[in-house]
N, C-alpha and C. Protein backbone atom coordinates (compact mmCIF):
# COMPACT_ATOMS: atom_id res chain seq x y z
N MET A 1 152.71 97.94 105.57
CA MET A 1 152.41 96.44 106.17
C MET A 1 150.97 96.42 105.85
N ASP A 2 149.98 97.50 105.53
CA ASP A 2 148.68 97.79 105.50
C ASP A 2 149.04 97.19 103.62
N THR A 3 149.35 97.34 103.14
CA THR A 3 149.54 97.23 101.78
C THR A 3 149.50 95.68 101.42
N ILE A 4 150.71 94.79 102.15
CA ILE A 4 150.86 93.90 102.08
C ILE A 4 149.81 92.86 102.72
N VAL A 5 149.02 93.65 103.72
CA VAL A 5 147.28 92.40 104.42
C VAL A 5 146.76 93.27 102.98
N HIS A 6 146.71 94.00 102.34
CA HIS A 6 145.47 93.67 101.73
C HIS A 6 145.65 93.18 100.47
N LEU A 7 146.98 92.98 99.69
CA LEU A 7 147.51 92.44 98.79
C LEU A 7 147.35 90.66 99.32
N LEU A 8 147.75 90.14 99.91
CA LEU A 8 147.84 88.84 100.34
C LEU A 8 146.39 88.48 100.37
N ILE A 9 145.14 89.38 101.15
CA ILE A 9 143.86 89.13 101.35
C ILE A 9 143.59 88.85 99.60
N LEU A 10 143.74 89.77 99.20
CA LEU A 10 143.02 89.68 97.64
C LEU A 10 143.99 88.39 96.81
N VAL A 11 144.48 88.12 97.41
CA VAL A 11 144.95 86.46 96.48
C VAL A 11 144.70 85.91 97.09
N LEU A 12 144.27 85.64 98.47
CA LEU A 12 144.01 85.18 99.06
C LEU A 12 141.96 84.54 98.22
N HIS A 13 141.73 86.28 98.18
CA HIS A 13 140.14 85.70 98.01
C HIS A 13 140.41 85.53 96.62
N ALA A 14 141.39 85.82 95.28
CA ALA A 14 141.45 84.94 94.25
C ALA A 14 141.72 83.30 94.09
N LEU A 15 142.49 82.89 94.84
CA LEU A 15 142.58 81.80 94.76
C LEU A 15 141.80 80.65 95.74
N ALA A 16 141.05 81.23 96.47
CA ALA A 16 139.44 80.37 97.34
C ALA A 16 138.47 80.33 96.04
N ALA A 17 138.96 81.80 94.74
CA ALA A 17 137.33 81.84 93.86
C ALA A 17 138.11 80.35 92.93
N MET A 18 139.62 80.70 92.16
CA MET A 18 139.89 79.51 91.74
C MET A 18 139.55 77.97 91.94
N LEU A 19 139.16 77.92 93.41
CA LEU A 19 139.68 76.52 93.90
C LEU A 19 138.01 75.97 93.96
N ILE A 20 137.39 77.20 94.24
CA ILE A 20 135.72 76.83 94.36
C ILE A 20 135.60 76.58 92.66
N VAL A 21 135.85 77.26 91.22
CA VAL A 21 135.88 77.22 90.13
C VAL A 21 135.66 75.85 89.66
N GLY A 22 137.02 74.95 90.31
CA GLY A 22 137.47 73.68 90.23
C GLY A 22 136.37 72.75 90.25
N SER A 23 135.56 72.88 91.98
CA SER A 23 135.55 72.34 92.39
C SER A 23 133.98 71.85 92.66
N ILE A 24 133.52 73.31 91.86
CA ILE A 24 132.38 72.80 90.98
C ILE A 24 132.45 72.04 89.74
N ALA A 25 133.19 72.04 89.09
CA ALA A 25 133.37 71.88 87.64
C ALA A 25 134.14 70.27 87.93
N VAL A 26 134.23 69.98 88.92
CA VAL A 26 134.88 68.41 88.67
C VAL A 26 133.24 68.13 89.77
N ALA A 27 132.53 68.20 90.42
CA ALA A 27 131.43 67.87 91.45
C ALA A 27 130.59 67.92 90.08
N LEU A 28 130.39 68.91 89.19
CA LEU A 28 129.52 68.66 88.38
C LEU A 28 129.56 67.85 87.14
N MET A 29 130.99 67.28 86.70
CA MET A 29 131.18 65.82 86.02
C MET A 29 130.63 64.93 86.42
N ILE A 30 131.15 65.01 87.57
CA ILE A 30 130.81 63.45 88.38
C ILE A 30 129.25 63.58 88.26
N MET A 31 128.48 64.34 88.39
CA MET A 31 126.88 64.57 88.63
C MET A 31 126.05 64.72 87.43
N SER A 32 127.22 64.53 86.37
CA SER A 32 126.30 64.35 84.83
C SER A 32 126.14 63.04 84.35
N ASN A 33 127.26 61.70 85.36
CA ASN A 33 126.93 60.81 84.52
C ASN A 33 125.58 59.83 85.53
N LYS A 34 125.13 58.82 84.45
CA LYS A 34 124.08 58.33 85.13
C LYS A 34 124.59 57.19 85.71
N LYS A 35 125.75 56.59 85.88
CA LYS A 35 126.64 55.43 86.40
C LYS A 35 127.78 55.99 86.85
N VAL A 36 128.18 56.35 88.28
CA VAL A 36 129.25 56.93 89.07
C VAL A 36 129.66 55.88 89.97
N GLU A 37 131.16 55.74 89.75
CA GLU A 37 131.94 55.21 90.01
C GLU A 37 131.65 55.45 91.78
N TRP A 38 131.96 54.38 92.36
CA TRP A 38 131.78 54.46 94.03
C TRP A 38 133.27 55.49 94.41
N ALA A 39 133.90 55.24 94.04
CA ALA A 39 135.81 56.38 93.88
C ALA A 39 134.96 57.96 94.14
N ASN A 40 134.36 57.76 92.78
CA ASN A 40 133.47 59.60 92.27
C ASN A 40 133.34 60.31 93.88
N LEU A 41 131.57 59.25 94.08
CA LEU A 41 131.09 59.64 95.55
C LEU A 41 132.03 59.89 96.46
N VAL A 42 132.53 58.87 96.38
CA VAL A 42 133.68 59.78 97.66
C VAL A 42 134.25 61.35 97.62
N LEU A 43 134.33 61.24 96.31
CA LEU A 43 135.55 62.36 95.61
C LEU A 43 133.93 63.51 96.01
N LEU A 44 133.42 63.22 95.69
CA LEU A 44 132.38 64.02 95.54
C LEU A 44 131.77 64.76 97.12
N LYS A 45 131.89 63.67 97.97
CA LYS A 45 131.85 64.20 99.50
C LYS A 45 133.03 64.96 100.09
N GLN A 46 133.63 64.63 99.19
CA GLN A 46 134.96 65.74 99.82
C GLN A 46 135.16 66.63 99.65
N ILE A 47 134.51 67.38 97.93
CA ILE A 47 134.38 68.43 97.76
C ILE A 47 133.58 69.55 98.38
N TRP A 48 132.33 68.94 98.76
CA TRP A 48 131.41 69.19 99.43
C TRP A 48 131.81 70.10 100.44
N ARG A 49 132.87 68.66 101.62
CA ARG A 49 133.13 69.43 102.62
C ARG A 49 134.61 70.26 102.78
N TRP A 50 135.07 70.45 101.62
CA TRP A 50 136.10 71.57 101.62
C TRP A 50 135.39 72.92 101.07
N LEU A 51 134.18 72.60 100.45
CA LEU A 51 133.89 73.82 99.61
C LEU A 51 132.60 74.95 100.68
N THR A 52 132.83 74.31 101.74
CA THR A 52 132.46 75.27 102.72
C THR A 52 133.15 76.36 103.12
N PRO A 53 134.40 75.36 103.91
CA PRO A 53 135.56 76.46 104.34
C PRO A 53 135.82 77.28 103.64
N LEU A 54 136.21 76.43 101.81
CA LEU A 54 136.47 77.82 100.64
C LEU A 54 135.56 78.99 100.85
N ILE A 55 133.63 78.82 100.78
CA ILE A 55 133.02 80.09 100.70
C ILE A 55 133.27 80.94 101.49
N GLY A 56 133.56 80.07 102.93
CA GLY A 56 134.11 81.12 103.90
C GLY A 56 135.13 81.66 103.68
N ILE A 57 135.76 81.35 103.15
CA ILE A 57 137.45 82.70 102.76
C ILE A 57 136.66 83.50 102.16
N GLN A 58 135.74 82.98 100.78
CA GLN A 58 135.49 84.44 100.38
C GLN A 58 134.80 85.22 100.79
N ILE A 59 133.60 84.69 101.92
CA ILE A 59 132.91 85.29 102.20
C ILE A 59 133.78 86.67 102.82
N ILE A 60 134.41 85.97 103.98
CA ILE A 60 135.44 86.72 104.65
C ILE A 60 136.27 87.96 104.27
N THR A 61 137.43 87.26 103.11
CA THR A 61 137.88 88.73 102.58
C THR A 61 137.15 89.47 101.76
N GLY A 62 136.42 89.07 101.09
CA GLY A 62 135.37 89.54 100.28
C GLY A 62 134.74 90.94 101.05
N LEU A 63 134.54 90.66 102.39
CA LEU A 63 133.74 91.41 103.33
C LEU A 63 135.40 92.39 103.64
N TYR A 64 136.29 91.87 104.31
CA TYR A 64 136.93 93.03 103.56
C TYR A 64 137.76 93.63 103.15
N LEU A 65 137.42 93.35 101.75
CA LEU A 65 138.00 93.85 100.53
C LEU A 65 137.09 95.14 100.45
N MET A 66 135.46 94.90 100.52
CA MET A 66 134.87 95.40 100.02
C MET A 66 134.86 96.96 101.95
N ILE A 67 134.65 96.43 102.43
CA ILE A 67 135.04 97.67 103.51
C ILE A 67 136.46 98.51 103.12
N ASN A 68 137.48 97.77 102.90
CA ASN A 68 138.16 98.53 102.78
C ASN A 68 138.23 99.89 101.66
N GLU A 69 137.46 98.98 100.35
CA GLU A 69 137.44 99.87 99.34
C GLU A 69 136.04 100.32 99.06
N TRP A 70 135.35 100.69 100.59
CA TRP A 70 134.49 100.87 100.28
C TRP A 70 133.90 102.33 99.36
N GLU A 71 134.15 103.33 99.57
CA GLU A 71 134.52 104.40 98.42
C GLU A 71 134.51 104.55 97.11
N GLU A 72 135.79 103.07 96.76
CA GLU A 72 135.02 103.07 95.36
C GLU A 72 134.56 101.91 94.87
N PHE A 73 134.37 101.16 96.10
CA PHE A 73 133.00 99.96 95.15
C PHE A 73 131.91 99.97 95.88
N GLY A 74 131.68 101.19 96.96
CA GLY A 74 130.39 100.84 97.39
C GLY A 74 129.34 101.26 96.89
N HIS A 75 129.17 101.79 95.96
CA HIS A 75 127.82 102.43 94.81
C HIS A 75 128.02 101.88 93.32
N SER A 76 129.01 100.65 93.26
CA SER A 76 128.90 100.32 92.32
C SER A 76 128.05 99.11 91.59
N GLY A 77 127.57 99.04 90.81
CA GLY A 77 126.53 98.47 90.42
C GLY A 77 126.67 97.16 90.09
N LEU A 78 127.80 96.90 89.68
CA LEU A 78 128.30 95.91 89.04
C LEU A 78 128.94 95.12 90.60
N LEU A 79 128.94 95.54 91.74
CA LEU A 79 129.62 94.89 93.29
C LEU A 79 128.71 94.25 93.57
N TRP A 80 127.39 94.91 93.40
CA TRP A 80 125.88 94.41 94.11
C TRP A 80 125.38 93.23 93.23
N PHE A 81 125.77 93.27 91.63
CA PHE A 81 125.45 92.18 91.00
C PHE A 81 125.76 91.14 90.71
N LYS A 82 127.31 90.98 91.15
CA LYS A 82 128.34 90.34 92.00
C LYS A 82 127.83 89.27 92.95
N LEU A 83 127.51 90.00 94.09
CA LEU A 83 126.88 89.70 95.62
C LEU A 83 125.68 88.92 95.13
N ALA A 84 125.35 89.68 93.85
CA ALA A 84 123.22 88.99 93.59
C ALA A 84 123.70 87.61 93.31
N LEU A 85 124.45 87.66 92.74
CA LEU A 85 124.69 86.47 91.93
C LEU A 85 125.53 85.35 92.49
N LEU A 86 125.97 85.73 93.59
CA LEU A 86 126.85 84.65 94.56
C LEU A 86 125.74 84.63 95.39
N ALA A 87 125.11 85.48 95.60
CA ALA A 87 123.88 84.33 96.91
C ALA A 87 122.78 83.15 95.74
N PHE A 88 122.80 84.05 94.32
CA PHE A 88 122.03 82.59 93.48
C PHE A 88 122.54 81.37 93.58
N ASP A 89 124.42 81.96 93.17
CA ASP A 89 124.87 80.49 92.83
C ASP A 89 124.81 79.22 93.97
N GLY A 90 125.07 80.28 95.04
CA GLY A 90 124.93 79.37 96.16
C GLY A 90 124.33 78.71 96.96
N LEU A 91 122.86 78.83 97.03
CA LEU A 91 121.77 78.47 96.92
C LEU A 91 121.70 77.43 95.77
N VAL A 92 121.27 77.45 94.56
CA VAL A 92 121.39 76.50 93.54
C VAL A 92 122.43 75.88 93.40
N SER A 93 123.48 76.03 93.49
CA SER A 93 124.28 74.40 93.76
C SER A 93 124.90 73.99 95.34
N ALA A 94 124.66 74.44 95.97
CA ALA A 94 124.08 73.44 97.25
C ALA A 94 123.31 73.12 97.05
N ALA A 95 122.29 73.26 96.54
CA ALA A 95 121.07 72.44 96.67
C ALA A 95 120.88 71.24 95.95
N ALA A 96 121.53 71.19 94.74
CA ALA A 96 122.12 70.43 93.78
C ALA A 96 123.02 69.36 94.33
N ILE A 97 123.57 69.74 94.64
CA ILE A 97 124.73 68.77 95.75
C ILE A 97 124.28 68.13 96.68
N LYS A 98 124.06 68.73 97.11
CA LYS A 98 123.17 68.31 98.36
C LYS A 98 122.34 66.96 98.26
N ARG A 99 121.63 67.36 96.81
CA ARG A 99 119.84 66.23 96.52
C ARG A 99 121.01 65.20 96.12
N TYR A 100 121.60 65.59 95.17
CA TYR A 100 122.67 64.33 94.97
C TYR A 100 123.19 63.68 95.57
N LEU A 101 123.85 63.95 96.30
CA LEU A 101 124.24 63.42 97.57
C LEU A 101 123.66 62.53 98.60
N ALA A 102 121.99 63.15 98.74
CA ALA A 102 121.36 62.58 99.78
C ALA A 102 121.22 60.87 99.01
N ALA A 103 120.90 61.32 97.34
CA ALA A 103 120.35 60.01 96.76
C ALA A 103 121.06 58.76 96.61
N THR A 104 122.60 59.49 97.19
CA THR A 104 123.44 57.90 96.95
C THR A 104 123.39 57.71 98.50
N GLY A 105 122.68 57.76 99.60
CA GLY A 105 122.49 57.64 101.08
C GLY A 105 123.72 57.84 101.64
N ASN A 106 123.68 57.50 102.74
CA ASN A 106 124.42 58.33 103.86
C ASN A 106 125.70 57.29 104.04
N ASN A 107 125.86 55.90 103.71
CA ASN A 107 126.69 54.67 103.86
C ASN A 107 127.67 54.92 102.86
N LEU A 108 128.86 54.98 103.01
CA LEU A 108 129.96 54.85 102.78
C LEU A 108 130.76 54.16 102.77
N ASN A 109 130.51 53.38 103.73
CA ASN A 109 131.35 51.87 104.13
C ASN A 109 130.50 50.31 102.92
N ASP A 110 129.90 50.53 102.55
CA ASP A 110 129.59 49.84 101.47
C ASP A 110 129.80 50.25 99.54
N LYS A 111 130.91 49.46 99.62
CA LYS A 111 131.05 49.87 98.27
C LYS A 111 130.77 49.07 97.07
N PRO A 112 129.79 49.68 96.29
CA PRO A 112 129.72 48.57 94.74
C PRO A 112 130.32 49.63 93.86
N THR A 113 130.64 48.79 93.19
CA THR A 113 131.65 49.51 91.98
C THR A 113 130.70 50.06 91.04
N THR A 114 130.04 50.48 90.64
CA THR A 114 128.75 51.70 89.98
C THR A 114 127.43 51.87 91.27
N VAL A 115 126.82 53.41 91.21
CA VAL A 115 125.70 53.56 91.45
C VAL A 115 124.81 53.86 90.68
N SER A 116 124.02 53.30 90.02
CA SER A 116 123.01 54.50 89.09
C SER A 116 122.23 55.33 89.65
N LEU A 117 121.93 56.59 88.93
CA LEU A 117 121.83 58.05 89.73
C LEU A 117 121.45 59.08 88.47
N GLN A 118 120.20 59.39 89.12
CA GLN A 118 119.21 60.47 87.71
C GLN A 118 120.71 61.17 88.01
N PRO A 119 121.10 61.86 86.15
CA PRO A 119 122.41 62.49 86.25
C PRO A 119 121.72 64.23 86.69
N ILE A 120 122.28 65.26 86.92
CA ILE A 120 122.04 66.48 86.93
C ILE A 120 121.75 67.26 85.59
N ASN A 121 121.02 67.99 85.85
CA ASN A 121 120.58 68.53 84.42
C ASN A 121 121.48 69.42 83.82
N LYS A 122 120.59 69.64 82.44
CA LYS A 122 121.76 71.00 82.11
C LYS A 122 121.91 72.35 83.10
N TYR A 123 120.38 72.60 84.09
CA TYR A 123 121.27 73.92 85.37
C TYR A 123 121.78 73.58 85.42
N GLY A 124 122.38 72.59 85.95
CA GLY A 124 123.06 72.31 86.95
C GLY A 124 124.78 72.98 86.85
N TRP A 125 124.79 72.55 85.25
CA TRP A 125 126.02 73.70 84.89
C TRP A 125 126.01 75.20 84.59
N LEU A 126 124.54 75.39 85.07
CA LEU A 126 124.43 77.02 85.05
C LEU A 126 125.38 77.67 86.38
N THR A 127 125.07 76.81 87.25
CA THR A 127 125.76 77.04 88.48
C THR A 127 128.17 77.03 88.37
N LEU A 128 128.55 76.70 87.61
CA LEU A 128 129.39 76.69 86.55
C LEU A 128 129.58 78.24 86.61
N LEU A 129 128.80 78.46 85.22
CA LEU A 129 128.62 79.19 84.48
C LEU A 129 128.34 80.28 85.00
N THR A 130 127.72 80.77 86.66
CA THR A 130 127.68 81.61 86.76
C THR A 130 129.02 82.16 88.05
N PHE A 131 129.18 80.68 88.69
CA PHE A 131 130.72 81.54 89.37
C PHE A 131 131.65 81.70 88.22
N LEU A 132 132.00 80.99 87.30
CA LEU A 132 132.83 81.83 86.28
C LEU A 132 131.98 83.63 85.84
N LEU A 133 131.88 83.74 86.10
CA LEU A 133 130.91 85.52 85.79
C LEU A 133 130.98 85.63 86.97
N ILE A 134 131.03 85.52 87.81
CA ILE A 134 131.07 85.90 89.40
C ILE A 134 132.58 86.43 89.53
N SER A 135 133.25 85.35 89.08
CA SER A 135 135.46 85.76 89.02
C SER A 135 135.45 86.43 88.19
N THR A 136 134.77 86.34 86.66
CA THR A 136 135.18 87.12 85.56
C THR A 136 135.34 89.27 86.75
N ILE A 137 133.38 88.99 86.81
CA ILE A 137 133.44 90.80 87.82
C ILE A 137 134.14 90.66 89.20
N GLY A 138 134.88 89.83 89.51
CA GLY A 138 136.26 90.39 90.67
C GLY A 138 136.69 90.61 89.64
N VAL A 139 137.26 90.31 88.90
CA VAL A 139 138.72 90.66 87.81
C VAL A 139 138.61 92.25 87.38
N LEU A 140 137.20 91.88 87.23
CA LEU A 140 136.98 94.11 86.52
C LEU A 140 137.30 95.03 86.91
N LEU A 141 136.70 94.07 88.59
CA LEU A 141 136.09 95.13 89.51
C LEU A 141 137.30 95.40 89.89
N ALA A 142 138.41 94.53 90.21
CA ALA A 142 139.95 94.84 90.96
C ALA A 142 140.61 95.41 89.84
N ALA A 143 140.83 95.18 88.42
CA ALA A 143 141.44 96.10 87.56
C ALA A 143 141.29 97.50 87.72
């Protein structure tokens, strides 16, 4: 039973990671345009709403995996590098999305066709690349 629970938590951890990567990619595609359709801004707000629980799932399942595999990974520099990248990426991407959404205003009831906004700079794409690296390190640790 313990092996099945461990496997399910590992799968949940990986699924959450894939959903986070996809969400960040879509958010960055939306934020890279100077003129953004209102429907895409609504989608971006939805992405922001589900990223928080997904990251919570990542943290909870990651802690479970780390605690149960401490003897194997506790002293791994790769694990600590992954955790440092995760903290960095979380801070940078959360700040970028929050700043972008703040520029759109809080009222989604007004529905102009498009909104002109400052597109996210090239460093915004660094968050996606960082999370891809985090996911790759996770695969290497699991192998």
